[in-house]
Amino acid sequence: MTTQPKDPEIVLRDGKPVSVILDIEVYQEMLEQIEAIEDLKALAEMRQKPLEFRSLDDFLKDYSTDV
């Protein structure tokens, strides 16, 4: 059974808003959206740099394949 998320509750101190109480599902969705935005920003930054390639031999010199 799916329930409707509750409206956010604003906590006041001295008549001024200091915090908000959110439904946990709303909070988790907000976190996911923030993470997606951060991922897109990181991708945009990576795309600004030119790609650098090196040979497989050079790669294997740096990374041991002794498994």
PDB file of N, CA and C in Angstrom:
ATOM      1  N   MET A   1       0.840  -1.181   0.000  1.00  0.00           N
ATOM      2  CA  MET A   1       0.000   0.000   0.000  1.00  0.00           C
ATOM      3  C   MET A   1       0.882   1.241   0.000  1.00  0.00           C
ATOM      4  N   THR A   2       0.667   2.137  -0.950  1.00  0.00           N
ATOM      5  CA  THR A   2       1.438   3.367  -1.045  1.00  0.00           C
ATOM      6  C   THR A   2       0.683   4.483  -0.344  1.00  0.00           C
ATOM      7  N   THR A   3       1.402   5.207   0.482  1.00  0.00           N
ATOM      8  CA  THR A   3       0.771   6.316   1.190  1.00  0.00           C
ATOM      9  C   THR A   3       1.207   7.629   0.565  1.00  0.00           C
ATOM     10  N   GLN A   4       0.366   8.624   0.712  1.00  0.00           N
ATOM     11  CA  GLN A   4       0.696   9.959   0.228  1.00  0.00           C
ATOM     12  C   GLN A   4       1.769  10.560   1.123  1.00  0.00           C
ATOM     13  N   PRO A   5       2.807  11.182   0.529  1.00  0.00           N
ATOM     14  CA  PRO A   5       3.798  11.838   1.380  1.00  0.00           C
ATOM     15  C   PRO A   5       3.160  13.000   2.129  1.00  0.00           C
ATOM     16  N   LYS A   6       3.598  13.175   3.344  1.00  0.00           N
ATOM     17  CA  LYS A   6       3.079  14.274   4.155  1.00  0.00           C
ATOM     18  C   LYS A   6       3.675  15.583   3.671  1.00  0.00           C
ATOM     19  N   ASP A   7       2.952  16.657   3.897  1.00  0.00           N
ATOM     20  CA  ASP A   7       3.487  17.978   3.582  1.00  0.00           C
ATOM     21  C   ASP A   7       4.654  18.272   4.511  1.00  0.00           C
ATOM     22  N   PRO A   8       5.649  19.016   4.017  1.00  0.00           N
ATOM     23  CA  PRO A   8       6.777  19.366   4.884  1.00  0.00           C
ATOM     24  C   PRO A   8       6.302  20.208   6.068  1.00  0.00           C
ATOM     25  N   GLU A   9       6.942  20.002   7.200  1.00  0.00           N
ATOM     26  CA  GLU A   9       6.641  20.792   8.389  1.00  0.00           C
ATOM     27  C   GLU A   9       7.822  21.714   8.656  1.00  0.00           C
ATOM     28  N   ILE A  10       7.549  22.991   8.810  1.00  0.00           N
ATOM     29  CA  ILE A  10       8.598  23.970   9.073  1.00  0.00           C
ATOM     30  C   ILE A  10       8.677  24.202  10.571  1.00  0.00           C
ATOM     31  N   VAL A  11       9.878  24.074  11.111  1.00  0.00           N
ATOM     32  CA  VAL A  11      10.111  24.277  12.536  1.00  0.00           C
ATOM     33  C   VAL A  11      10.566  25.720  12.732  1.00  0.00           C
ATOM     34  N   LEU A  12       9.893  26.413  13.634  1.00  0.00           N
ATOM     35  CA  LEU A  12      10.211  27.815  13.902  1.00  0.00           C
ATOM     36  C   LEU A  12      10.918  27.965  15.242  1.00  0.00           C
ATOM     37  N   ARG A  13      11.846  28.896  15.287  1.00  0.00           N
ATOM     38  CA  ARG A  13      12.495  29.275  16.543  1.00  0.00           C
ATOM     39  C   ARG A  13      12.483  30.797  16.579  1.00  0.00           C
ATOM     40  N   ASP A  14      11.902  31.330  17.616  1.00  0.00           N
ATOM     41  CA  ASP A  14      11.742  32.785  17.737  1.00  0.00           C
ATOM     42  C   ASP A  14      11.024  33.356  16.515  1.00  0.00           C
ATOM     43  N   GLY A  15      10.055  32.603  16.013  1.00  0.00           N
ATOM     44  CA  GLY A  15       9.249  33.055  14.893  1.00  0.00           C
ATOM     45  C   GLY A  15       9.924  32.967  13.538  1.00  0.00           C
ATOM     46  N   LYS A  16      11.126  32.371  13.492  1.00  0.00           N
ATOM     47  CA  LYS A  16      11.854  32.268  12.230  1.00  0.00           C
ATOM     48  C   LYS A  16      12.053  30.795  11.874  1.00  0.00           C
ATOM     49  N   PRO A  17      11.941  30.451  10.577  1.00  0.00           N
ATOM     50  CA  PRO A  17      12.150  29.055  10.177  1.00  0.00           C
ATOM     51  C   PRO A  17      13.610  28.644  10.378  1.00  0.00           C
ATOM     52  N   VAL A  18      13.809  27.483  11.032  1.00  0.00           N
ATOM     53  CA  VAL A  18      15.167  26.989  11.288  1.00  0.00           C
ATOM     54  C   VAL A  18      15.402  25.596  10.715  1.00  0.00           C
ATOM     55  N   SER A  19      14.347  24.846  10.448  1.00  0.00           N
ATOM     56  CA  SER A  19      14.511  23.514   9.877  1.00  0.00           C
ATOM     57  C   SER A  19      13.187  23.056   9.269  1.00  0.00           C
ATOM     58  N   VAL A  20      13.298  21.936   8.533  1.00  0.00           N
ATOM     59  CA  VAL A  20      12.121  21.373   7.874  1.00  0.00           C
ATOM     60  C   VAL A  20      12.082  19.882   8.156  1.00  0.00           C
ATOM     61  N   ILE A  21      10.913  19.365   8.432  1.00  0.00           N
ATOM     62  CA  ILE A  21      10.712  17.929   8.596  1.00  0.00           C
ATOM     63  C   ILE A  21      10.052  17.429   7.313  1.00  0.00           C
ATOM     64  N   LEU A  22      10.765  16.506   6.633  1.00  0.00           N
ATOM     65  CA  LEU A  22      10.282  15.961   5.364  1.00  0.00           C
ATOM     66  C   LEU A  22       9.941  14.492   5.502  1.00  0.00           C
ATOM     67  N   ASP A  23       9.029  14.037   4.659  1.00  0.00           N
ATOM     68  CA  ASP A  23       8.769  12.615   4.523  1.00  0.00           C
ATOM     69  C   ASP A  23      10.060  11.965   4.021  1.00  0.00           C
ATOM     70  N   ILE A  24      10.431  10.815   4.555  1.00  0.00           N
ATOM     71  CA  ILE A  24      11.706  10.182   4.216  1.00  0.00           C
ATOM     72  C   ILE A  24      11.806   9.886   2.722  1.00  0.00           C
ATOM     73  N   GLU A  25      10.714   9.514   2.085  1.00  0.00           N
ATOM     74  CA  GLU A  25      10.743   9.233   0.649  1.00  0.00           C
ATOM     75  C   GLU A  25      11.035  10.494  -0.156  1.00  0.00           C
ATOM     76  N   VAL A  26      10.482  11.611   0.266  1.00  0.00           N
ATOM     77  CA  VAL A  26      10.755  12.893  -0.392  1.00  0.00           C
ATOM     78  C   VAL A  26      12.225  13.249  -0.214  1.00  0.00           C
ATOM     79  N   TYR A  27      12.746  13.059   0.987  1.00  0.00           N
ATOM     80  CA  TYR A  27      14.154  13.346   1.281  1.00  0.00           C
ATOM     81  C   TYR A  27      15.078  12.486   0.420  1.00  0.00           C
ATOM     82  N   GLN A  28      14.788  11.189   0.323  1.00  0.00           N
ATOM     83  CA  GLN A  28      15.626  10.290  -0.474  1.00  0.00           C
ATOM     84  C   GLN A  28      15.594  10.673  -1.954  1.00  0.00           C
ATOM     85  N   GLU A  29      14.438  11.065  -2.450  1.00  0.00           N
ATOM     86  CA  GLU A  29      14.329  11.507  -3.843  1.00  0.00           C
ATOM     87  C   GLU A  29      15.154  12.775  -4.065  1.00  0.00           C
ATOM     88  N   MET A  30      15.133  13.687  -3.098  1.00  0.00           N
ATOM     89  CA  MET A  30      15.945  14.901  -3.206  1.00  0.00           C
ATOM     90  C   MET A  30      17.431  14.551  -3.267  1.00  0.00           C
ATOM     91  N   LEU A  31      17.868  13.611  -2.429  1.00  0.00           N
ATOM     92  CA  LEU A  31      19.271  13.196  -2.439  1.00  0.00           C
ATOM     93  C   LEU A  31      19.657  12.594  -3.785  1.00  0.00           C
ATOM     94  N   GLU A  32      18.785  11.782  -4.356  1.00  0.00           N
ATOM     95  CA  GLU A  32      19.058  11.172  -5.657  1.00  0.00           C
ATOM     96  C   GLU A  32      19.171  12.233  -6.748  1.00  0.00           C
ATOM     97  N   GLN A  33      18.306  13.239  -6.702  1.00  0.00           N
ATOM     98  CA  GLN A  33      18.363  14.309  -7.693  1.00  0.00           C
ATOM     99  C   GLN A  33      19.649  15.119  -7.552  1.00  0.00           C
ATOM    100  N   ILE A  34      20.062  15.390  -6.320  1.00  0.00           N
ATOM    101  CA  ILE A  34      21.314  16.117  -6.089  1.00  0.00           C
ATOM    102  C   ILE A  34      22.489  15.314  -6.622  1.00  0.00           C
ATOM    103  N   GLU A  35      22.498  14.017  -6.363  1.00  0.00           N
ATOM    104  CA  GLU A  35      23.582  13.158  -6.848  1.00  0.00           C
ATOM    105  C   GLU A  35      23.625  13.147  -8.378  1.00  0.00           C
ATOM    106  N   ALA A  36      22.466  13.106  -9.009  1.00  0.00           N
ATOM    107  CA  ALA A  36      22.416  13.115 -10.476  1.00  0.00           C
ATOM    108  C   ALA A  36      22.966  14.427 -11.025  1.00  0.00           C
ATOM    109  N   ILE A  37      22.640  15.532 -10.383  1.00  0.00           N
ATOM    110  CA  ILE A  37      23.153  16.838 -10.811  1.00  0.00           C
ATOM    111  C   ILE A  37      24.669  16.888 -10.657  1.00  0.00           C
ATOM    112  N   GLU A  38      25.180  16.380  -9.534  1.00  0.00           N
ATOM    113  CA  GLU A  38      26.627  16.356  -9.315  1.00  0.00           C
ATOM    114  C   GLU A  38      27.321  15.484 -10.357  1.00  0.00           C
ATOM    115  N   ASP A  39      26.714  14.356 -10.703  1.00  0.00           N
ATOM    116  CA  ASP A  39      27.282  13.479 -11.731  1.00  0.00           C
ATOM    117  C   ASP A  39      27.346  14.191 -13.083  1.00  0.00           C
ATOM    118  N   LEU A  40      26.286  14.924 -13.426  1.00  0.00           N
ATOM    119  CA  LEU A  40      26.268  15.649 -14.697  1.00  0.00           C
ATOM    120  C   LEU A  40      27.329  16.746 -14.727  1.00  0.00           C
ATOM    121  N   LYS A  41      27.525  17.428 -13.597  1.00  0.00           N
ATOM    122  CA  LYS A  41      28.569  18.456 -13.523  1.00  0.00           C
ATOM    123  C   LYS A  41      29.948  17.833 -13.700  1.00  0.00           C
ATOM    124  N   ALA A  42      30.190  16.697 -13.049  1.00  0.00           N
ATOM    125  CA  ALA A  42      31.485  16.018 -13.172  1.00  0.00           C
ATOM    126  C   ALA A  42      31.708  15.571 -14.615  1.00  0.00           C
ATOM    127  N   LEU A  43      30.676  15.061 -15.257  1.00  0.00           N
ATOM    128  CA  LEU A  43      30.786  14.635 -16.651  1.00  0.00           C
ATOM    129  C   LEU A  43      31.107  15.821 -17.554  1.00  0.00           C
ATOM    130  N   ALA A  44      30.450  16.950 -17.325  1.00  0.00           N
ATOM    131  CA  ALA A  44      30.714  18.143 -18.131  1.00  0.00           C
ATOM    132  C   ALA A  44      32.158  18.597 -17.962  1.00  0.00           C
ATOM    133  N   GLU A  45      32.686  18.526 -16.741  1.00  0.00           N
ATOM    134  CA  GLU A  45      34.081  18.900 -16.498  1.00  0.00           C
ATOM    135  C   GLU A  45      35.032  17.940 -17.214  1.00  0.00           C
ATOM    136  N   MET A  46      34.728  16.651 -17.168  1.00  0.00           N
ATOM    137  CA  MET A  46      35.583  15.668 -17.833  1.00  0.00           C
ATOM    138  C   MET A  46      35.595  15.879 -19.342  1.00  0.00           C
ATOM    139  N   ARG A  47      34.475  16.289 -19.890  1.00  0.00           N
ATOM    140  CA  ARG A  47      34.390  16.485 -21.341  1.00  0.00           C
ATOM    141  C   ARG A  47      35.162  17.716 -21.802  1.00  0.00           C
ATOM    142  N   GLN A  48      35.505  18.610 -20.869  1.00  0.00           N
ATOM    143  CA  GLN A  48      36.281  19.794 -21.224  1.00  0.00           C
ATOM    144  C   GLN A  48      37.741  19.448 -21.486  1.00  0.00           C
ATOM    145  N   LYS A  49      38.214  18.363 -20.890  1.00  0.00           N
ATOM    146  CA  LYS A  49      39.607  17.953 -21.035  1.00  0.00           C
ATOM    147  C   LYS A  49      39.745  17.057 -22.264  1.00  0.00           C
ATOM    148  N   PRO A  50      40.833  17.226 -23.008  1.00  0.00           N
ATOM    149  CA  PRO A  50      41.026  16.344 -24.167  1.00  0.00           C
ATOM    150  C   PRO A  50      41.335  14.919 -23.712  1.00  0.00           C
ATOM    151  N   LEU A  51      40.895  13.963 -24.507  1.00  0.00           N
ATOM    152  CA  LEU A  51      41.175  12.563 -24.200  1.00  0.00           C
ATOM    153  C   LEU A  51      42.638  12.264 -24.477  1.00  0.00           C
ATOM    154  N   GLU A  52      43.227  11.478 -23.612  1.00  0.00           N
ATOM    155  CA  GLU A  52      44.612  11.075 -23.805  1.00  0.00           C
ATOM    156  C   GLU A  52      44.655   9.555 -23.908  1.00  0.00           C
ATOM    157  N   PHE A  53      45.320   9.075 -24.916  1.00  0.00           N
ATOM    158  CA  PHE A  53      45.436   7.639 -25.124  1.00  0.00           C
ATOM    159  C   PHE A  53      46.890   7.228 -24.989  1.00  0.00           C
ATOM    160  N   ARG A  54      47.089   5.994 -24.579  1.00  0.00           N
ATOM    161  CA  ARG A  54      48.440   5.442 -24.551  1.00  0.00           C
ATOM    162  C   ARG A  54      48.361   3.979 -24.961  1.00  0.00           C
ATOM    163  N   SER A  55      49.488   3.455 -25.316  1.00  0.00           N
ATOM    164  CA  SER A  55      49.504   2.086 -25.828  1.00  0.00           C
ATOM    165  C   SER A  55      49.248   1.088 -24.699  1.00  0.00           C
ATOM    166  N   LEU A  56      48.823  -0.089 -25.075  1.00  0.00           N
ATOM    167  CA  LEU A  56      48.594  -1.152 -24.101  1.00  0.00           C
ATOM    168  C   LEU A  56      49.896  -1.511 -23.393  1.00  0.00           C
ATOM    169  N   ASP A  57      50.986  -1.516 -24.113  1.00  0.00           N
ATOM    170  CA  ASP A  57      52.283  -1.836 -23.493  1.00  0.00           C
ATOM    171  C   ASP A  57      52.631  -0.839 -22.392  1.00  0.00           C
ATOM    172  N   ASP A  58      52.412   0.446 -22.653  1.00  0.00           N
ATOM    173  CA  ASP A  58      52.683   1.461 -21.628  1.00  0.00           C
ATOM    174  C   ASP A  58      51.776   1.263 -20.416  1.00  0.00           C
ATOM    175  N   PHE A  59      50.527   0.946 -20.674  1.00  0.00           N
ATOM    176  CA  PHE A  59      49.590   0.710 -19.578  1.00  0.00           C
ATOM    177  C   PHE A  59      50.039  -0.476 -18.732  1.00  0.00           C
ATOM    178  N   LEU A  60      50.411  -1.548 -19.383  1.00  0.00           N
ATOM    179  CA  LEU A  60      50.807  -2.762 -18.660  1.00  0.00           C
ATOM    180  C   LEU A  60      52.094  -2.567 -17.866  1.00  0.00           C
ATOM    181  N   LYS A  61      52.955  -1.658 -18.288  1.00  0.00           N
ATOM    182  CA  LYS A  61      54.164  -1.351 -17.514  1.00  0.00           C
ATOM    183  C   LYS A  61      53.801  -0.732 -16.167  1.00  0.00           C
ATOM    184  N   ASP A  62      52.736   0.089 -16.154  1.00  0.00           N
ATOM    185  CA  ASP A  62      52.319   0.773 -14.929  1.00  0.00           C
ATOM    186  C   ASP A  62      51.469  -0.102 -14.018  1.00  0.00           C
ATOM    187  N   TYR A  63      50.732  -1.035 -14.576  1.00  0.00           N
ATOM    188  CA  TYR A  63      49.810  -1.849 -13.799  1.00  0.00           C
ATOM    189  C   TYR A  63      50.196  -3.315 -13.904  1.00  0.00           C
ATOM    190  N   SER A  64      50.535  -3.870 -12.787  1.00  0.00           N
ATOM    191  CA  SER A  64      50.965  -5.263 -12.753  1.00  0.00           C
ATOM    192  C   SER A  64      49.799  -6.187 -13.070  1.00  0.00           C
ATOM    193  N   THR A  65      50.078  -7.212 -13.824  1.00  0.00           N
ATOM    194  CA  THR A  65      49.050  -8.198 -14.149  1.00  0.00           C
ATOM    195  C   THR A  65      49.272  -9.490 -13.382  1.00  0.00           C
ATOM    196  N   ASP A  66      50.024  -9.423 -12.290  1.00  0.00           N
ATOM    197  CA  ASP A  66      50.287 -10.608 -11.461  1.00  0.00           C
ATOM    198  C   ASP A  66      49.068 -10.901 -10.599  1.00  0.00           C
ATOM    199  N   VAL A  67      48.150 -11.637 -11.145  1.00  0.00           N
ATOM    200  CA  VAL A  67      46.915 -11.939 -10.412  1.00  0.00           C
ATOM    201  C   VAL A  67      46.961 -13.344  -9.892  1.00  0.00           C
TER     202      VAL A  67
END
